[in-house]
Protein backbone atom coordinates (compact mmCIF):
# COMPACT_ATOMS: atom_id res chain seq x y z
CA MET A 1 103.74 20.70 149.97
CA PRO A 2 101.34 21.16 147.10
CA LYS A 3 102.90 21.88 143.75
CA HIS A 4 101.96 25.04 141.96
CA ALA A 5 100.95 24.60 138.43
CA ARG A 6 103.19 26.43 135.98
CA LYS A 7 101.50 28.82 133.60
CA ARG A 8 102.39 28.33 129.99
CA ARG A 9 102.61 31.24 127.60
CA LYS A 10 100.17 31.15 124.82
CA VAL A 11 101.68 31.65 121.41
CA ALA A 12 99.59 32.65 118.49
CA ARG A 13 99.66 30.45 115.47
CA ASP A 14 100.60 33.31 113.10
CA GLU A 15 103.45 34.70 115.28
CA VAL A 16 106.94 33.91 114.09
CA VAL A 17 109.58 33.36 116.71
CA GLN A 18 112.88 35.14 115.91
CA PRO A 19 116.02 33.26 116.80
CA LEU A 20 118.50 34.75 119.24
CA GLY A 21 120.94 37.21 117.61
CA SER A 22 118.88 37.73 114.47
CA ASN A 23 118.60 41.49 115.11
CA HIS A 24 122.36 41.87 115.25
CA LEU A 25 122.76 39.92 112.05
CA ALA A 26 120.30 42.19 110.28
CA ALA A 27 122.14 45.26 111.50
CA LEU A 28 125.41 43.73 110.31
CA THR A 29 124.16 43.11 106.79
CA ASP A 30 122.46 46.50 106.45
CA ASP A 31 125.11 48.70 104.79
CA ALA A 32 122.98 51.73 104.00
CA ASN A 33 124.26 53.86 106.86
CA LYS A 34 127.85 52.56 107.02
CA ASP A 35 131.00 54.00 105.57
CA ASP A 36 133.87 52.10 103.98
CA GLU A 37 136.00 52.04 107.11
CA GLU A 38 133.19 50.50 109.19
CA ARG A 39 132.51 47.90 106.51
CA ARG A 40 136.19 46.98 106.34
CA LEU A 41 136.41 46.50 110.11
CA GLU A 42 133.21 44.41 110.23
CA SER A 43 134.55 42.22 107.45
CA ARG A 44 137.67 41.46 109.45
CA LEU A 45 135.80 40.94 112.71
CA PHE A 46 132.75 38.92 111.57
CA GLY A 47 134.17 37.26 108.47
CA VAL A 48 131.73 38.88 106.03
CA SER A 49 133.36 39.23 102.61
CA LEU A 50 133.79 42.81 101.45
CA SER A 51 133.60 41.82 97.78
CA ARG A 52 130.10 40.42 98.30
CA ARG A 53 129.00 43.74 99.75
CA ARG A 54 130.44 45.67 96.80
CA ALA A 55 128.72 43.27 94.40
CA ALA A 56 125.42 43.82 96.21
CA ASP A 57 125.88 47.58 96.00
CA SER A 58 126.62 47.41 92.28
CA ARG A 59 123.50 45.30 91.66
CA GLU A 60 121.38 47.92 93.41
CA LEU A 61 122.69 50.64 91.01
CA GLU A 62 122.29 48.61 87.81
CA HIS A 63 118.74 49.73 87.06
CA MET A 64 119.27 53.45 87.94
CA LEU A 65 119.64 56.15 85.30
CA ASP A 66 122.75 58.32 84.98
CA SER A 67 120.69 61.43 85.58
CA ASP A 68 119.67 60.01 88.96
CA LEU A 69 123.25 59.27 89.93
CA PHE A 70 125.13 62.38 88.79
CA PHE A 71 124.53 66.04 88.10
CA ILE A 72 126.70 68.90 86.85
CA ASP A 73 126.92 72.04 88.95
CA ASP A 74 127.46 74.90 86.47
CA GLY A 75 126.71 77.68 88.96
CA ALA A 76 123.27 78.44 87.55
CA ALA A 77 119.98 77.41 89.06
CA PRO A 78 118.34 74.54 87.13
CA SER A 79 115.19 75.37 85.25
CA SER A 80 112.04 73.29 85.17
CA SER A 81 112.66 72.23 81.57
CA ASP A 82 116.11 70.71 82.05
CA SER A 83 115.95 69.56 85.64
CA GLY A 84 116.31 65.93 84.69
CA THR A 85 118.77 66.15 81.81
CA VAL A 86 122.45 66.76 81.48
CA PRO A 87 123.56 69.81 79.38
CA ASP A 88 124.64 69.06 75.82
CA ALA A 89 128.00 70.74 76.30
CA THR A 90 129.26 67.93 78.49
CA HIS A 91 128.90 64.16 78.28
CA LEU A 92 129.32 61.78 81.15
CA SER A 93 130.53 58.21 80.68
CA ILE A 94 130.77 55.57 83.34
CA ASP A 95 133.24 52.74 83.04
CA LYS A 96 132.92 50.51 86.11
CA SER A 97 134.95 52.38 88.75
CA HIS A 98 136.03 55.46 86.68
CA ILE A 99 134.05 58.51 85.66
CA TYR A 100 135.14 60.54 82.60
CA LEU A 101 134.01 64.07 81.82
CA ARG A 102 134.55 65.32 78.26
CA SER A 103 133.40 68.29 76.21
CA SER A 104 131.02 68.05 73.34
CA PRO A 105 132.56 68.34 69.85
CA LYS A 106 130.08 70.99 68.76
CA ASN A 107 131.44 73.46 71.35
CA THR A 108 135.12 73.24 70.35
CA ASP A 109 134.92 76.41 68.29
CA GLN A 110 134.06 78.48 71.33
CA THR A 111 137.11 80.27 72.83
CA THR A 112 137.63 82.21 76.00
CA SER A 113 139.68 85.34 76.46
CA ALA A 114 143.00 85.40 78.38
CA GLU A 115 141.51 87.58 81.04
CA ASP A 116 138.79 85.02 81.82
CA ALA A 117 141.28 82.15 81.86
CA GLN A 118 143.55 83.77 84.46
CA PRO A 119 142.40 83.88 88.09
CA ARG A 120 141.30 87.26 89.27
CA ARG A 121 143.30 88.85 92.11
CA LYS A 122 141.70 90.92 94.81
CA ALA A 123 142.54 94.60 94.57
CA PRO A 124 144.56 96.06 97.48
CA ALA A 125 142.61 97.92 100.13
CA TRP A 126 144.81 101.03 99.81
CA VAL A 127 147.89 102.23 97.95
CA ASP A 128 150.55 104.59 99.31
CA PRO A 129 152.11 106.66 96.49
CA ASP A 130 155.28 107.19 98.55
CA ASP A 131 156.18 103.47 98.38
CA ALA A 132 157.55 103.91 94.87
CA ASN A 133 160.06 106.50 96.06
CA LEU A 134 161.37 104.64 99.13
CA GLN A 135 164.60 102.71 98.65
CA VAL A 136 166.30 100.36 101.10
CA SER A 137 169.89 99.20 100.80
CA LEU A 138 170.06 95.40 100.58
CA THR A 139 173.81 95.24 101.18
CA ALA A 140 174.14 97.44 104.26
CA HIS A 141 172.90 94.71 106.62
CA THR A 142 173.55 90.98 106.50
CA ARG A 143 169.91 90.05 107.10
CA LEU A 144 168.76 91.94 104.01
CA ARG A 145 171.20 90.33 101.57
CA LYS A 146 169.00 87.27 101.14
CA LEU A 147 166.31 89.50 99.60
CA ARG A 148 168.48 90.25 96.57
CA ASP A 149 167.66 88.64 93.24
CA ALA A 150 171.27 89.00 92.06
CA PRO A 151 174.61 89.62 93.85
CA SER A 152 174.93 92.96 92.08
CA GLU A 153 171.59 94.26 93.35
CA ASP A 154 171.98 96.97 95.97
CA THR A 155 168.64 98.65 96.62
CA GLY A 156 165.04 97.58 96.84
CA GLN A 157 161.70 99.24 97.37
CA ARG A 158 160.24 99.41 100.84
CA SER A 159 156.65 98.26 100.99
CA ARG A 160 155.51 100.07 104.09
CA GLY A 161 152.95 102.75 104.54
CA LYS A 162 154.92 104.63 107.18
CA ASN A 163 158.42 105.91 106.58
CA ARG A 164 160.39 104.62 109.52
CA GLY A 165 162.97 107.11 110.62
CA CYS A 166 160.69 110.15 110.44
CA LEU A 167 159.46 111.19 113.87
CA THR A 168 156.15 112.81 114.65
CA GLN A 169 155.40 114.97 117.64
CA GLY A 170 153.39 113.86 120.63
CA VAL A 171 154.28 110.18 121.06
CA ILE A 172 157.55 108.29 120.67
CA SER A 173 158.06 104.51 120.85
CA VAL A 174 160.81 103.53 123.32
CA ASP A 175 161.70 100.01 124.52
CA ARG A 176 163.99 99.25 127.40
CA LEU A 177 166.78 96.74 126.76
CA ARG A 178 169.34 95.05 128.96
CA ASP A 179 171.80 97.53 130.48
CA ALA A 180 174.72 98.20 128.18
CA ASN A 181 177.25 97.59 130.98
CA GLN A 182 175.47 94.74 132.73
CA ALA A 183 178.37 92.43 131.88
CA ALA A 184 180.79 94.73 133.76
CA PRO A 185 178.99 97.42 135.80
CA ALA A 186 180.90 100.40 137.14
CA GLU A 187 181.72 100.74 140.83
CA GLY A 188 180.98 104.43 140.85
CA GLU A 189 179.08 107.16 139.06
CA ILE A 190 179.07 107.09 135.27
CA LYS A 191 180.73 110.28 134.06
CA SER A 192 180.51 109.72 130.33
CA VAL A 193 178.88 107.37 127.82
CA GLN A 194 179.55 107.57 124.11
CA PHE A 195 179.00 105.38 121.06
CA HIS A 196 181.82 104.99 118.59
CA PRO A 197 181.38 107.50 115.73
CA SER A 198 181.84 104.82 113.06
CA PRO A 199 178.66 102.96 112.01
CA GLN A 200 180.69 99.80 111.41
CA ILE A 201 181.85 99.66 115.05
CA PRO A 202 178.91 99.10 117.46
CA VAL A 203 180.97 99.89 120.56
CA LEU A 204 179.92 101.92 123.62
CA LEU A 205 182.43 103.67 125.88
CA THR A 206 181.72 104.26 129.56
CA ALA A 207 183.91 106.31 131.92
CA SER A 208 183.23 106.22 135.66
CA THR A 209 184.57 107.61 138.90
CA ASP A 210 186.41 104.35 139.64
CA ARG A 211 188.99 105.60 137.07
CA ARG A 212 188.12 102.96 134.52
CA LEU A 213 187.16 103.11 130.87
CA ARG A 214 185.07 100.19 129.68
CA LEU A 215 184.15 99.16 126.13
CA PHE A 216 181.04 97.14 125.32
CA HIS A 217 179.87 95.57 122.08
CA VAL A 218 176.26 96.75 121.84
CA ASP A 219 173.96 94.26 120.12
CA GLY A 220 170.78 94.97 122.08
CA LEU A 221 170.72 91.46 123.61
CA THR A 222 173.72 90.52 125.73
CA ASN A 223 176.02 93.54 125.14
CA PRO A 224 179.24 91.65 125.90
CA HIS A 225 182.13 93.37 127.65
CA ALA A 226 185.09 93.98 125.33
CA GLN A 227 187.83 95.67 127.38
CA THR A 228 188.58 97.70 130.51
CA LEU A 229 191.28 100.37 130.83
CA HIS A 230 192.29 101.36 134.36
CA VAL A 231 194.07 104.70 134.88
CA PRO A 232 194.85 104.95 138.62
CA SER A 233 196.49 108.39 138.41
CA LEU A 234 193.72 110.11 136.37
CA PRO A 235 190.32 111.04 137.85
CA ILE A 236 188.21 110.78 134.71
CA THR A 237 185.48 113.40 134.37
CA ASN A 238 184.93 113.19 130.61
CA ALA A 239 185.92 110.87 127.77
CA SER A 240 185.37 110.91 124.03
CA SER A 241 186.16 108.76 120.98
CA HIS A 242 188.02 110.42 118.13
CA ARG A 243 187.34 109.52 114.52
CA SER A 244 190.97 108.68 113.91
CA PRO A 245 192.16 105.15 114.80
CA ARG A 246 194.45 106.41 117.55
CA GLY A 247 191.96 105.77 120.35
CA LEU A 248 190.42 107.73 123.19
CA TRP A 249 190.95 111.09 124.85
CA GLY A 250 190.04 111.96 128.39
CA THR A 251 190.15 115.32 130.15
CA THR A 252 188.09 117.64 132.31
CA PHE A 253 186.42 119.47 129.39
CA SER A 254 186.96 118.47 125.79
CA SER A 255 185.41 118.71 122.37
CA ALA A 256 186.78 117.39 119.11
CA ASN A 257 186.19 118.57 115.56
CA GLN A 258 186.18 116.51 112.37
CA ASP A 259 189.79 117.26 111.40
CA ALA A 260 193.15 116.53 113.00
CA SER A 261 192.96 119.06 115.85
CA MET A 262 191.34 119.02 119.27
CA GLU A 263 190.53 121.79 121.70
CA THR A 264 190.39 121.55 125.47
CA SER A 265 189.36 124.15 127.98
CA GLY A 266 191.56 124.99 130.91
CA ARG A 267 191.39 127.35 133.85
CA ARG A 268 190.79 131.11 133.81
CA GLY A 269 189.31 131.17 130.30
CA HIS A 270 192.16 129.45 128.47
CA ILE A 271 191.49 127.19 125.47
CA HIS A 272 194.27 124.86 124.33
CA LEU A 273 194.46 123.68 120.71
CA VAL A 274 196.01 120.22 120.50
CA ASP A 275 197.53 118.62 117.40
CA TRP A 276 196.06 115.16 117.10
CA ARG A 277 197.81 114.02 113.92
CA SER A 278 201.00 112.94 115.66
CA GLY A 279 199.12 111.24 118.50
CA SER A 280 201.32 112.92 121.12
CA ALA A 281 198.63 115.48 122.11
CA GLN A 282 200.98 118.41 121.63
CA VAL A 283 199.55 121.88 122.35
CA VAL A 284 200.12 124.04 119.27
CA ALA A 285 198.19 127.22 120.14
CA GLY A 286 195.95 128.80 122.78
CA LEU A 287 192.98 131.16 123.05
CA LYS A 288 191.91 133.35 125.97
CA ALA A 289 188.41 134.43 127.06
CA ASN A 290 187.46 136.90 129.78
CA ALA A 291 185.72 134.31 131.98
CA ALA A 292 185.92 130.64 132.81
CA ILE A 293 185.00 128.30 129.97
CA LYS A 294 181.93 126.16 130.60
CA SER A 295 181.43 124.48 127.24
CA LEU A 296 182.89 124.24 123.69
CA TRP A 297 181.33 123.42 120.34
CA TRP A 298 182.60 123.32 116.75
CA SER A 299 180.25 125.05 114.29
CA ARG A 300 179.64 123.37 110.91
CA VAL A 301 179.09 126.72 109.21
CA GLN A 302 181.44 129.65 108.56
CA ASN A 303 184.44 127.38 107.84
CA GLY A 304 184.25 125.52 111.14
CA GLU A 305 184.28 128.27 113.76
CA LEU A 306 184.81 127.39 117.39
CA LEU A 307 182.19 128.54 119.90
CA SER A 308 182.88 128.77 123.62
CA LEU A 309 180.41 129.44 126.43
CA THR A 310 181.74 131.31 129.45
CA GLN A 311 180.54 131.52 133.02
CA ASP A 312 178.90 134.93 132.46
CA SER A 313 176.63 133.50 129.66
CA GLN A 314 178.77 134.99 126.88
CA VAL A 315 179.27 133.07 123.64
CA TYR A 316 182.66 133.65 121.96
CA VAL A 317 183.04 132.88 118.26
CA TRP A 318 186.68 132.08 117.43
CA ASP A 319 188.52 131.95 114.13
CA VAL A 320 190.99 129.19 114.87
CA ARG A 321 193.15 129.95 111.83
CA GLN A 322 193.71 133.57 112.88
CA ARG A 323 193.67 132.70 116.60
CA LYS A 324 191.26 135.49 117.53
CA CYS A 325 187.67 136.17 118.57
CA VAL A 326 185.62 137.43 115.62
CA ARG A 327 182.27 137.82 117.36
CA ARG A 328 180.64 137.67 120.78
CA TRP A 329 177.01 137.63 121.89
CA GLN A 330 174.97 137.18 125.05
CA ASP A 331 172.75 134.19 125.69
CA GLU A 332 169.08 135.18 125.86
CA GLY A 333 168.09 135.75 129.47
CA GLY A 334 171.56 135.09 130.91
CA PHE A 335 170.25 132.60 133.48
CA GLY A 336 173.64 131.26 134.49
CA SER A 337 174.41 129.31 131.30
CA LYS A 338 176.13 126.01 132.04
CA ILE A 339 176.33 123.89 128.89
CA MET A 340 176.21 124.30 125.11
CA SER A 341 175.71 121.73 122.35
CA GLY A 342 174.77 121.56 118.67
CA ASP A 343 173.82 118.99 116.06
CA GLN A 344 176.12 117.43 113.48
CA GLN A 345 174.63 119.32 110.53
CA GLY A 346 175.04 122.69 112.23
CA ASN A 347 171.34 123.58 112.17
CA TYR A 348 170.67 123.95 115.89
CA LEU A 349 172.54 125.30 118.90
CA SER A 350 171.23 124.77 122.43
CA ILE A 351 172.35 126.41 125.67
CA GLY A 352 171.23 125.12 129.05
CA SER A 353 171.13 127.17 132.25
CA ASN A 354 171.35 126.43 135.97
CA ILE A 355 167.59 126.95 136.45
CA GLY A 356 166.47 124.36 133.89
CA LEU A 357 165.86 126.61 130.87
CA VAL A 358 167.17 125.54 127.46
CA ASN A 359 167.44 128.08 124.62
CA VAL A 360 167.33 126.56 121.13
CA TYR A 361 168.90 128.75 118.41
CA ASN A 362 169.09 128.53 114.65
CA ALA A 363 172.83 127.97 114.26
CA ARG A 364 172.90 129.16 110.63
CA SER A 365 171.54 132.60 111.51
CA LEU A 366 174.07 133.40 114.25
CA GLY A 367 176.69 134.83 111.89
CA GLY A 368 175.38 138.34 111.34
CA ASP A 369 173.23 138.89 114.44
CA SER A 370 174.83 140.47 117.50
CA LYS A 371 171.79 139.64 119.68
CA PRO A 372 170.31 136.43 118.35
CA LYS A 373 166.88 135.34 119.51
CA PRO A 374 166.21 131.71 120.33
CA LEU A 375 163.68 129.74 118.33
CA LYS A 376 162.18 128.60 121.61
CA THR A 377 162.98 128.47 125.31
CA ILE A 378 162.14 125.06 126.77
CA GLY A 379 161.34 125.09 130.47
CA ASN A 380 160.25 121.52 131.25
CA LEU A 381 163.08 121.05 133.75
CA THR A 382 163.59 123.18 136.84
CA THR A 383 167.15 122.33 137.92
CA ASN A 384 170.65 122.73 136.53
CA ILE A 385 170.98 121.38 132.97
CA SER A 386 173.90 118.96 132.92
CA CYS A 387 173.42 117.10 129.59
CA LEU A 388 172.42 118.17 126.10
CA GLN A 389 172.61 115.66 123.25
CA TYR A 390 171.35 115.67 119.64
CA ASN A 391 170.68 112.59 117.57
CA HIS A 392 172.35 112.05 114.20
CA ASP A 393 169.73 113.76 111.99
CA ALA A 394 168.70 116.53 114.41
CA GLN A 395 165.18 115.24 115.00
CA LEU A 396 165.68 114.72 118.72
CA LEU A 397 167.26 116.71 121.51
CA ALA A 398 167.79 114.98 124.84
CA MET A 399 168.22 117.22 127.87
CA ALA A 400 168.77 116.13 131.46
CA SER A 401 169.67 117.34 134.94
CA ASP A 402 171.64 115.39 137.54
CA VAL A 403 170.32 117.34 140.54
CA LYS A 404 167.04 115.42 140.89
CA ARG A 405 165.97 111.92 140.02
CA ASP A 406 164.49 111.03 136.63
CA GLN A 407 165.09 114.50 135.16
CA LEU A 408 165.27 113.78 131.42
CA ARG A 409 163.18 115.01 128.51
CA LEU A 410 163.14 114.38 124.75
CA VAL A 411 162.42 117.31 122.43
CA HIS A 412 161.00 116.92 118.93
CA LEU A 413 163.07 119.55 117.13
CA PRO A 414 160.97 120.12 113.96
CA SER A 415 158.05 121.21 116.17
CA LEU A 416 160.12 122.20 119.25
CA THR A 417 157.76 120.24 121.50
CA VAL A 418 158.54 117.84 124.34
CA TYR A 419 157.35 114.24 124.26
CA GLY A 420 154.94 113.55 127.07
CA ASN A 421 154.69 109.75 126.95
CA TRP A 422 158.34 109.04 127.82
CA PRO A 423 159.99 108.95 130.25
CA THR A 424 157.23 108.11 132.69
CA SER A 425 157.20 108.25 136.47
CA LYS A 426 158.14 104.55 136.56
CA THR A 427 161.17 104.83 134.27
CA PRO A 428 164.18 103.95 136.50
CA LEU A 429 166.56 106.66 135.33
CA ALA A 430 167.88 107.74 138.77
CA HIS A 431 170.23 110.76 138.56
CA VAL A 432 171.16 111.11 134.90
CA THR A 433 174.85 112.02 134.52
CA SER A 434 175.47 111.44 130.79
CA MET A 435 173.78 110.17 127.64
CA ASP A 436 174.43 109.57 123.97
CA PHE A 437 172.65 108.41 120.81
CA ALA A 438 173.98 105.66 118.58
CA VAL A 439 175.23 106.56 115.11
CA GLY A 440 171.86 105.69 113.55
CA SER A 441 169.88 106.78 116.66
CA GLU A 442 168.47 103.28 117.11
CA TYR A 443 169.84 103.22 120.68
CA LEU A 444 169.94 105.73 123.51
CA ALA A 445 172.47 105.11 126.29
CA ILE A 446 171.96 106.85 129.65
CA GLY A 447 174.51 106.83 132.46
CA ASN A 448 173.44 107.45 136.05
CA ASN A 449 174.91 107.84 139.53
CA LYS A 450 174.46 104.13 140.31
CA GLY A 451 177.10 103.01 137.84
CA ARG A 452 174.60 101.71 135.30
CA ALA A 453 174.49 102.46 131.58
CA LEU A 454 170.81 102.14 130.70
CA LEU A 455 170.05 101.18 127.11
CA TYR A 456 166.83 102.05 125.27
CA HIS A 457 165.68 101.18 121.77
CA LEU A 458 164.02 103.91 119.69
CA ARG A 459 161.73 101.96 117.41
CA ASP A 460 160.78 104.91 115.22
CA LEU A 461 164.44 105.54 114.36
CA ALA A 462 165.66 101.96 114.22
CA GLN A 463 167.35 100.91 110.97
CA GLN A 464 165.83 97.80 109.50
């Protein structure tokens, strides 16, 4: 076969042939766009000395002026006259690898004020004048003790714009917690729930139809079960904690005052006064009304008078010392009054009827009026009122009915209005049978017919 002649490439005489890999070598030695870390890695990988590179860099800067290398940023825009010079107030010296900045001697006589030397703080956006008057105890709670500057310090100012503990009408903040008796639920309907009256004892009592009294340590998290008392021979319909250390008292209807006596209502209008000091529950005296007793309440005014509500909507005012009735008046409307309750300060008295109406009276004006008028009649419920409960500072009144499901309302007493945001249609209250506020009103316990003691946290009244 004939051989094809190979074509040779013509190379110009002035063209220089670059050896293979020369481009990479040029890129390796060009340090203009490389940082120190890249140079250090290339030195280890390709064997190029890093000191030679630094020497080459220093030779490039030998013939440059200081004004081209450095400038002083004094916050003012440079003018055309001094754009290339350094201000006289400051001198710059370069010593190999260190740069020193010193002030000029001719400016040493210039002084600055203390206000200019200190950093300026940004002014607050707003100031609440009530913050200076708010005091918080730093020894009442363990978590607040670390805020003290000295062991003897007791109070500190509260830096909050809103005074927690003061309720406003319209909306209330309520959070649901784990059931208070979840550790030991009742096997029947809850008849009574009550917090211990001492603020140092966070204990909740529950009494149910299974003839058991249960005590729970309420912490808002686990609520551990403390103790159970079983009384097989006593059908418990009501239970209460007395302020004395002798324990509990259970009966059909009961109400205790602040002293050493207790009153219980019996049949056919009889009221039994019981001496509690000996602990033997000895009946020392008795009172008699003209109708069956429905409810009892100790008044905090007029030397602690005893008020009793009868089946015919009559309110008897008793002088316990003289053992006689000193006054009697008719509940407004007379709609089959069923229950009566008042606050701890003796400012309000509420009477609930069997048609859902609740009359709220001014308890301090009942002394000289034979026909007192209620401050307001609340008609948000339509069935028999079975529970009335005030919180510790008479800002809230809780009223409930056990006839229908989810029949509970909270009343803001200063305005005598009902909160509309809670409870909602999805709040699982069931048939409310009893309820009670904690000593500081941070908790609300609600017993129902399913044997559960629901626990709710009132954020606006919580003690921090």
